[in-house]
Amino acid sequence: MANIQFDESQFKLRSRRLLGEPEVPAMIKFLVTRGIVRSEKQAISVLLTIVLVIVMISIFIIKSNGVQPAVLDAEYLTLNK
C-alpha cells in the first residue's frame, strides 16, 4: 500500500467562504429591528424560551385531558335513594 498523506490546511473549505455570509433568519431580524431585543444572541434566547413555554403548555394540556372520568357503581347509586 502506498503511504498517502494529505495537507489538511488546503482542504478546509467552509460554506461561508464559498457562499458568502448566511442571511439572518426572518424572526431574528424582526425581533432586532422592532427593538424587542438588542442582539441576535438575545433573539435566539427569546425564541428558544418561547418554544420551551409552548412545549410545556402542550404537555400540560395533553396530561390534563388524559384523566379518565369517574364511574359511579351501583352500590353508590342505591345509597343516595
PDB file of N, CA and C in Angstrom:
ATOM      1  N   MET A   1       0.828  -1.190   0.000  1.00  0.00           N
ATOM      2  CA  MET A   1       0.000   0.000   0.000  1.00  0.00           C
ATOM      3  C   MET A   1       0.870   1.250   0.000  1.00  0.00           C
ATOM      4  N   ALA A   2       0.397   2.228  -0.691  1.00  0.00           N
ATOM      5  CA  ALA A   2       1.130   3.483  -0.771  1.00  0.00           C
ATOM      6  C   ALA A   2       0.864   4.308   0.470  1.00  0.00           C
ATOM      7  N   ASN A   3       1.843   5.015   0.906  1.00  0.00           N
ATOM      8  CA  ASN A   3       1.715   5.884   2.074  1.00  0.00           C
ATOM      9  C   ASN A   3       1.274   7.262   1.580  1.00  0.00           C
ATOM     10  N   ILE A   4      -0.029   7.545   1.695  1.00  0.00           N
ATOM     11  CA  ILE A   4      -0.593   8.804   1.194  1.00  0.00           C
ATOM     12  C   ILE A   4      -0.824   9.736   2.368  1.00  0.00           C
ATOM     13  N   GLN A   5      -0.361  10.973   2.224  1.00  0.00           N
ATOM     14  CA  GLN A   5      -0.569  11.975   3.261  1.00  0.00           C
ATOM     15  C   GLN A   5      -1.207  13.201   2.625  1.00  0.00           C
ATOM     16  N   PHE A   6      -2.126  13.798   3.363  1.00  0.00           N
ATOM     17  CA  PHE A   6      -2.822  14.979   2.876  1.00  0.00           C
ATOM     18  C   PHE A   6      -2.449  16.179   3.731  1.00  0.00           C
ATOM     19  N   ASP A   7      -2.346  17.314   3.085  1.00  0.00           N
ATOM     20  CA  ASP A   7      -2.156  18.563   3.804  1.00  0.00           C
ATOM     21  C   ASP A   7      -3.556  19.120   4.071  1.00  0.00           C
ATOM     22  N   GLU A   8      -4.042  18.922   5.307  1.00  0.00           N
ATOM     23  CA  GLU A   8      -5.422  19.274   5.641  1.00  0.00           C
ATOM     24  C   GLU A   8      -5.710  20.766   5.529  1.00  0.00           C
ATOM     25  N   SER A   9      -4.705  21.607   5.642  1.00  0.00           N
ATOM     26  CA  SER A   9      -4.943  23.052   5.577  1.00  0.00           C
ATOM     27  C   SER A   9      -5.454  23.471   4.197  1.00  0.00           C
ATOM     28  N   GLN A  10      -5.146  22.705   3.161  1.00  0.00           N
ATOM     29  CA  GLN A  10      -5.615  23.039   1.816  1.00  0.00           C
ATOM     30  C   GLN A  10      -7.051  22.589   1.581  1.00  0.00           C
ATOM     31  N   PHE A  11      -7.556  21.643   2.384  1.00  0.00           N
ATOM     32  CA  PHE A  11      -8.861  21.052   2.126  1.00  0.00           C
ATOM     33  C   PHE A  11      -9.960  21.529   3.066  1.00  0.00           C
ATOM     34  N   LYS A  12      -9.669  22.489   3.886  1.00  0.00           N
ATOM     35  CA  LYS A  12     -10.693  23.003   4.805  1.00  0.00           C
ATOM     36  C   LYS A  12     -11.497  24.087   4.107  1.00  0.00           C
ATOM     37  N   LEU A  13     -12.513  23.682   3.396  1.00  0.00           N
ATOM     38  CA  LEU A  13     -13.393  24.626   2.711  1.00  0.00           C
ATOM     39  C   LEU A  13     -14.605  24.872   3.591  1.00  0.00           C
ATOM     40  N   ARG A  14     -14.959  26.078   3.755  1.00  0.00           N
ATOM     41  CA  ARG A  14     -16.114  26.421   4.574  1.00  0.00           C
ATOM     42  C   ARG A  14     -17.180  27.042   3.700  1.00  0.00           C
ATOM     43  N   SER A  15     -18.415  26.747   4.015  1.00  0.00           N
ATOM     44  CA  SER A  15     -19.519  27.235   3.184  1.00  0.00           C
ATOM     45  C   SER A  15     -19.611  28.754   3.199  1.00  0.00           C
ATOM     46  N   ARG A  16     -19.219  29.382   4.294  1.00  0.00           N
ATOM     47  CA  ARG A  16     -19.314  30.850   4.335  1.00  0.00           C
ATOM     48  C   ARG A  16     -18.347  31.493   3.351  1.00  0.00           C
ATOM     49  N   ARG A  17     -17.196  30.879   3.181  1.00  0.00           N
ATOM     50  CA  ARG A  17     -16.251  31.413   2.214  1.00  0.00           C
ATOM     51  C   ARG A  17     -16.766  31.213   0.791  1.00  0.00           C
ATOM     52  N   LEU A  18     -17.407  30.080   0.549  1.00  0.00           N
ATOM     53  CA  LEU A  18     -17.881  29.780  -0.800  1.00  0.00           C
ATOM     54  C   LEU A  18     -19.176  30.490  -1.134  1.00  0.00           C
ATOM     55  N   LEU A  19     -20.110  30.500  -0.182  1.00  0.00           N
ATOM     56  CA  LEU A  19     -21.441  31.026  -0.464  1.00  0.00           C
ATOM     57  C   LEU A  19     -21.683  32.430   0.086  1.00  0.00           C
ATOM     58  N   GLY A  20     -20.748  32.973   0.823  1.00  0.00           N
ATOM     59  CA  GLY A  20     -20.927  34.279   1.418  1.00  0.00           C
ATOM     60  C   GLY A  20     -21.585  34.167   2.786  1.00  0.00           C
ATOM     61  N   GLU A  21     -21.805  35.281   3.431  1.00  0.00           N
ATOM     62  CA  GLU A  21     -22.427  35.290   4.757  1.00  0.00           C
ATOM     63  C   GLU A  21     -23.869  34.814   4.661  1.00  0.00           C
ATOM     64  N   PRO A  22     -24.281  33.932   5.566  1.00  0.00           N
ATOM     65  CA  PRO A  22     -25.672  33.479   5.533  1.00  0.00           C
ATOM     66  C   PRO A  22     -26.620  34.602   5.947  1.00  0.00           C
ATOM     67  N   GLU A  23     -27.808  34.563   5.408  1.00  0.00           N
ATOM     68  CA  GLU A  23     -28.810  35.584   5.718  1.00  0.00           C
ATOM     69  C   GLU A  23     -29.382  35.324   7.109  1.00  0.00           C
ATOM     70  N   VAL A  24     -29.650  36.385   7.831  1.00  0.00           N
ATOM     71  CA  VAL A  24     -30.224  36.274   9.168  1.00  0.00           C
ATOM     72  C   VAL A  24     -31.676  35.815   9.038  1.00  0.00           C
ATOM     73  N   PRO A  25     -32.096  34.824   9.834  1.00  0.00           N
ATOM     74  CA  PRO A  25     -33.488  34.363   9.764  1.00  0.00           C
ATOM     75  C   PRO A  25     -34.481  35.499  10.031  1.00  0.00           C
ATOM     76  N   ALA A  26     -35.655  35.382   9.440  1.00  0.00           N
ATOM     77  CA  ALA A  26     -36.651  36.458   9.476  1.00  0.00           C
ATOM     78  C   ALA A  26     -37.122  36.776  10.896  1.00  0.00           C
ATOM     79  N   MET A  27     -37.346  35.760  11.731  1.00  0.00           N
ATOM     80  CA  MET A  27     -37.827  36.017  13.094  1.00  0.00           C
ATOM     81  C   MET A  27     -36.781  36.768  13.912  1.00  0.00           C
ATOM     82  N   ILE A  28     -35.522  36.417  13.749  1.00  0.00           N
ATOM     83  CA  ILE A  28     -34.456  37.118  14.474  1.00  0.00           C
ATOM     84  C   ILE A  28     -34.348  38.550  13.976  1.00  0.00           C
ATOM     85  N   LYS A  29     -34.413  38.724  12.671  1.00  0.00           N
ATOM     86  CA  LYS A  29     -34.356  40.069  12.092  1.00  0.00           C
ATOM     87  C   LYS A  29     -35.536  40.910  12.587  1.00  0.00           C
ATOM     88  N   PHE A  30     -36.730  40.316  12.669  1.00  0.00           N
ATOM     89  CA  PHE A  30     -37.927  41.015  13.141  1.00  0.00           C
ATOM     90  C   PHE A  30     -37.743  41.487  14.585  1.00  0.00           C
ATOM     91  N   LEU A  31     -37.252  40.609  15.463  1.00  0.00           N
ATOM     92  CA  LEU A  31     -37.075  40.977  16.871  1.00  0.00           C
ATOM     93  C   LEU A  31     -36.043  42.083  17.044  1.00  0.00           C
ATOM     94  N   VAL A  32     -34.985  42.039  16.256  1.00  0.00           N
ATOM     95  CA  VAL A  32     -33.930  43.055  16.376  1.00  0.00           C
ATOM     96  C   VAL A  32     -34.396  44.388  15.802  1.00  0.00           C
ATOM     97  N   THR A  33     -35.053  44.369  14.646  1.00  0.00           N
ATOM     98  CA  THR A  33     -35.467  45.635  14.031  1.00  0.00           C
ATOM     99  C   THR A  33     -36.583  46.319  14.805  1.00  0.00           C
ATOM    100  N   ARG A  34     -37.440  45.568  15.465  1.00  0.00           N
ATOM    101  CA  ARG A  34     -38.523  46.159  16.266  1.00  0.00           C
ATOM    102  C   ARG A  34     -38.029  46.654  17.619  1.00  0.00           C
ATOM    103  N   GLY A  35     -36.797  46.346  17.967  1.00  0.00           N
ATOM    104  CA  GLY A  35     -36.240  46.802  19.232  1.00  0.00           C
ATOM    105  C   GLY A  35     -36.645  45.953  20.422  1.00  0.00           C
ATOM    106  N   ILE A  36     -37.175  44.768  20.172  1.00  0.00           N
ATOM    107  CA  ILE A  36     -37.574  43.881  21.263  1.00  0.00           C
ATOM    108  C   ILE A  36     -36.333  43.329  21.957  1.00  0.00           C
ATOM    109  N   VAL A  37     -35.305  43.043  21.170  1.00  0.00           N
ATOM    110  CA  VAL A  37     -34.022  42.582  21.701  1.00  0.00           C
ATOM    111  C   VAL A  37     -32.915  43.429  21.091  1.00  0.00           C
ATOM    112  N   ARG A  38     -31.734  43.343  21.695  1.00  0.00           N
ATOM    113  CA  ARG A  38     -30.631  44.169  21.217  1.00  0.00           C
ATOM    114  C   ARG A  38     -29.696  43.452  20.264  1.00  0.00           C
ATOM    115  N   SER A  39     -29.637  42.115  20.365  1.00  0.00           N
ATOM    116  CA  SER A  39     -28.694  41.380  19.524  1.00  0.00           C
ATOM    117  C   SER A  39     -29.316  40.080  19.047  1.00  0.00           C
ATOM    118  N   GLU A  40     -28.620  39.447  18.107  1.00  0.00           N
ATOM    119  CA  GLU A  40     -29.087  38.167  17.580  1.00  0.00           C
ATOM    120  C   GLU A  40     -29.048  37.092  18.659  1.00  0.00           C
ATOM    121  N   LYS A  41     -28.067  37.150  19.521  1.00  0.00           N
ATOM    122  CA  LYS A  41     -27.953  36.164  20.602  1.00  0.00           C
ATOM    123  C   LYS A  41     -29.158  36.254  21.542  1.00  0.00           C
ATOM    124  N   GLN A  42     -29.581  37.469  21.872  1.00  0.00           N
ATOM    125  CA  GLN A  42     -30.764  37.642  22.717  1.00  0.00           C
ATOM    126  C   GLN A  42     -32.020  37.169  21.989  1.00  0.00           C
ATOM    127  N   ALA A  43     -32.090  37.402  20.689  1.00  0.00           N
ATOM    128  CA  ALA A  43     -33.252  36.965  19.909  1.00  0.00           C
ATOM    129  C   ALA A  43     -33.358  35.444  19.914  1.00  0.00           C
ATOM    130  N   ILE A  44     -32.243  34.765  19.778  1.00  0.00           N
ATOM    131  CA  ILE A  44     -32.243  33.304  19.822  1.00  0.00           C
ATOM    132  C   ILE A  44     -32.702  32.824  21.191  1.00  0.00           C
ATOM    133  N   SER A  45     -32.228  33.481  22.249  1.00  0.00           N
ATOM    134  CA  SER A  45     -32.648  33.106  23.604  1.00  0.00           C
ATOM    135  C   SER A  45     -34.148  33.301  23.792  1.00  0.00           C
ATOM    136  N   VAL A  46     -34.682  34.400  23.291  1.00  0.00           N
ATOM    137  CA  VAL A  46     -36.117  34.671  23.404  1.00  0.00           C
ATOM    138  C   VAL A  46     -36.921  33.625  22.634  1.00  0.00           C
ATOM    139  N   LEU A  47     -36.501  33.299  21.432  1.00  0.00           N
ATOM    140  CA  LEU A  47     -37.226  32.319  20.625  1.00  0.00           C
ATOM    141  C   LEU A  47     -37.172  30.927  21.254  1.00  0.00           C
ATOM    142  N   LEU A  48     -36.027  30.540  21.798  1.00  0.00           N
ATOM    143  CA  LEU A  48     -35.928  29.244  22.469  1.00  0.00           C
ATOM    144  C   LEU A  48     -36.797  29.195  23.719  1.00  0.00           C
ATOM    145  N   THR A  49     -36.884  30.317  24.442  1.00  0.00           N
ATOM    146  CA  THR A  49     -37.742  30.378  25.624  1.00  0.00           C
ATOM    147  C   THR A  49     -39.203  30.238  25.220  1.00  0.00           C
ATOM    148  N   ILE A  50     -39.598  30.890  24.147  1.00  0.00           N
ATOM    149  CA  ILE A  50     -40.980  30.790  23.664  1.00  0.00           C
ATOM    150  C   ILE A  50     -41.298  29.343  23.281  1.00  0.00           C
ATOM    151  N   VAL A  51     -40.387  28.689  22.587  1.00  0.00           N
ATOM    152  CA  VAL A  51     -40.602  27.292  22.198  1.00  0.00           C
ATOM    153  C   VAL A  51     -40.724  26.406  23.434  1.00  0.00           C
ATOM    154  N   LEU A  52     -39.878  26.631  24.422  1.00  0.00           N
ATOM    155  CA  LEU A  52     -39.916  25.835  25.657  1.00  0.00           C
ATOM    156  C   LEU A  52     -41.253  26.017  26.384  1.00  0.00           C
ATOM    157  N   VAL A  53     -41.732  27.251  26.465  1.00  0.00           N
ATOM    158  CA  VAL A  53     -43.015  27.520  27.124  1.00  0.00           C
ATOM    159  C   VAL A  53     -44.161  26.847  26.368  1.00  0.00           C
ATOM    160  N   ILE A  54     -44.133  26.909  25.045  1.00  0.00           N
ATOM    161  CA  ILE A  54     -45.188  26.269  24.248  1.00  0.00           C
ATOM    162  C   ILE A  54     -45.167  24.758  24.440  1.00  0.00           C
ATOM    163  N   VAL A  55     -43.992  24.167  24.496  1.00  0.00           N
ATOM    164  CA  VAL A  55     -43.889  22.721  24.723  1.00  0.00           C
ATOM    165  C   VAL A  55     -44.428  22.360  26.101  1.00  0.00           C
ATOM    166  N   MET A  56     -44.083  23.140  27.121  1.00  0.00           N
ATOM    167  CA  MET A  56     -44.563  22.871  28.481  1.00  0.00           C
ATOM    168  C   MET A  56     -46.093  22.997  28.555  1.00  0.00           C
ATOM    169  N   ILE A  57     -46.664  24.004  27.920  1.00  0.00           N
ATOM    170  CA  ILE A  57     -48.122  24.171  27.906  1.00  0.00           C
ATOM    171  C   ILE A  57     -48.766  23.004  27.178  1.00  0.00           C
ATOM    172  N   SER A  58     -48.179  22.565  26.079  1.00  0.00           N
ATOM    173  CA  SER A  58     -48.729  21.426  25.334  1.00  0.00           C
ATOM    174  C   SER A  58     -48.718  20.162  26.181  1.00  0.00           C
ATOM    175  N   ILE A  59     -47.628  19.925  26.884  1.00  0.00           N
ATOM    176  CA  ILE A  59     -47.548  18.744  27.757  1.00  0.00           C
ATOM    177  C   ILE A  59     -48.602  18.831  28.852  1.00  0.00           C
ATOM    178  N   PHE A  60     -48.781  20.007  29.442  1.00  0.00           N
ATOM    179  CA  PHE A  60     -49.777  20.193  30.495  1.00  0.00           C
ATOM    180  C   PHE A  60     -51.187  19.905  29.965  1.00  0.00           C
ATOM    181  N   ILE A  61     -51.497  20.404  28.778  1.00  0.00           N
ATOM    182  CA  ILE A  61     -52.826  20.190  28.193  1.00  0.00           C
ATOM    183  C   ILE A  61     -53.042  18.716  27.880  1.00  0.00           C
ATOM    184  N   ILE A  62     -52.048  18.069  27.328  1.00  0.00           N
ATOM    185  CA  ILE A  62     -52.179  16.648  26.999  1.00  0.00           C
ATOM    186  C   ILE A  62     -52.365  15.817  28.265  1.00  0.00           C
ATOM    187  N   LYS A  63     -51.599  16.129  29.308  1.00  0.00           N
ATOM    188  CA  LYS A  63     -51.722  15.379  30.563  1.00  0.00           C
ATOM    189  C   LYS A  63     -53.085  15.617  31.213  1.00  0.00           C
ATOM    190  N   SER A  64     -53.601  16.835  31.169  1.00  0.00           N
ATOM    191  CA  SER A  64     -54.875  17.122  31.830  1.00  0.00           C
ATOM    192  C   SER A  64     -56.054  16.500  31.082  1.00  0.00           C
ATOM    193  N   ASN A  65     -55.954  16.317  29.787  1.00  0.00           N
ATOM    194  CA  ASN A  65     -57.026  15.689  29.017  1.00  0.00           C
ATOM    195  C   ASN A  65     -56.990  14.173  29.110  1.00  0.00           C
ATOM    196  N   GLY A  66     -55.933  13.606  29.633  1.00  0.00           N
ATOM    197  CA  GLY A  66     -55.804  12.167  29.713  1.00  0.00           C
ATOM    198  C   GLY A  66     -56.456  11.557  30.935  1.00  0.00           C
ATOM    199  N   VAL A  67     -57.084  12.355  31.786  1.00  0.00           N
ATOM    200  CA  VAL A  67     -57.699  11.852  33.005  1.00  0.00           C
ATOM    201  C   VAL A  67     -59.026  11.189  32.664  1.00  0.00           C
ATOM    202  N   GLN A  68     -59.226   9.994  33.186  1.00  0.00           N
ATOM    203  CA  GLN A  68     -60.471   9.268  32.955  1.00  0.00           C
ATOM    204  C   GLN A  68     -61.565   9.804  33.875  1.00  0.00           C
ATOM    205  N   PRO A  69     -62.788   9.931  33.388  1.00  0.00           N
ATOM    206  CA  PRO A  69     -63.880  10.411  34.241  1.00  0.00           C
ATOM    207  C   PRO A  69     -64.244   9.362  35.296  1.00  0.00           C
ATOM    208  N   ALA A  70     -64.772   9.837  36.410  1.00  0.00           N
ATOM    209  CA  ALA A  70     -65.172   8.934  37.485  1.00  0.00           C
ATOM    210  C   ALA A  70     -66.380   8.111  37.048  1.00  0.00           C
ATOM    211  N   VAL A  71     -66.422   6.845  37.493  1.00  0.00           N
ATOM    212  CA  VAL A  71     -67.522   5.952  37.161  1.00  0.00           C
ATOM    213  C   VAL A  71     -68.281   5.648  38.446  1.00  0.00           C
ATOM    214  N   LEU A  72     -69.588   5.828  38.414  1.00  0.00           N
ATOM    215  CA  LEU A  72     -70.416   5.542  39.577  1.00  0.00           C
ATOM    216  C   LEU A  72     -70.833   4.085  39.550  1.00  0.00           C
ATOM    217  N   ASP A  73     -70.623   3.369  40.674  1.00  0.00           N
ATOM    218  CA  ASP A  73     -71.070   1.985  40.712  1.00  0.00           C
ATOM    219  C   ASP A  73     -72.497   1.907  41.278  1.00  0.00           C
ATOM    220  N   ALA A  74     -73.091   0.782  41.125  1.00  0.00           N
ATOM    221  CA  ALA A  74     -74.492   0.579  41.511  1.00  0.00           C
ATOM    222  C   ALA A  74     -74.680   0.756  43.019  1.00  0.00           C
ATOM    223  N   GLU A  75     -73.710   0.365  43.811  1.00  0.00           N
ATOM    224  CA  GLU A  75     -73.835   0.483  45.288  1.00  0.00           C
ATOM    225  C   GLU A  75     -73.950   1.956  45.702  1.00  0.00           C
ATOM    226  N   TYR A  76     -73.172   2.829  45.086  1.00  0.00           N
ATOM    227  CA  TYR A  76     -73.235   4.242  45.404  1.00  0.00           C
ATOM    228  C   TYR A  76     -74.594   4.826  45.021  1.00  0.00           C
ATOM    229  N   LEU A  77     -75.116   4.403  43.887  1.00  0.00           N
ATOM    230  CA  LEU A  77     -76.408   4.923  43.429  1.00  0.00           C
ATOM    231  C   LEU A  77     -77.547   4.493  44.371  1.00  0.00           C
ATOM    232  N   THR A  78     -77.490   3.280  44.930  1.00  0.00           N
ATOM    233  CA  THR A  78     -78.541   2.815  45.831  1.00  0.00           C
ATOM    234  C   THR A  78     -78.463   3.488  47.197  1.00  0.00           C
ATOM    235  N   LEU A  79     -77.307   3.969  47.637  1.00  0.00           N
ATOM    236  CA  LEU A  79     -77.158   4.632  48.934  1.00  0.00           C
ATOM    237  C   LEU A  79     -77.811   6.007  48.938  1.00  0.00           C
ATOM    238  N   ASN A  80     -77.847   6.668  47.812  1.00  0.00           N
ATOM    239  CA  ASN A  80     -78.371   8.024  47.739  1.00  0.00           C
ATOM    240  C   ASN A  80     -79.870   8.090  47.497  1.00  0.00           C
ATOM    241  N   LYS A  81     -80.580   6.964  47.408  1.00  0.00           N
ATOM    242  CA  LYS A  81     -82.023   6.986  47.159  1.00  0.00           C
ATOM    243  C   LYS A  81     -82.803   7.140  48.416  1.00  0.00           C
TER     244      LYS A  81
END
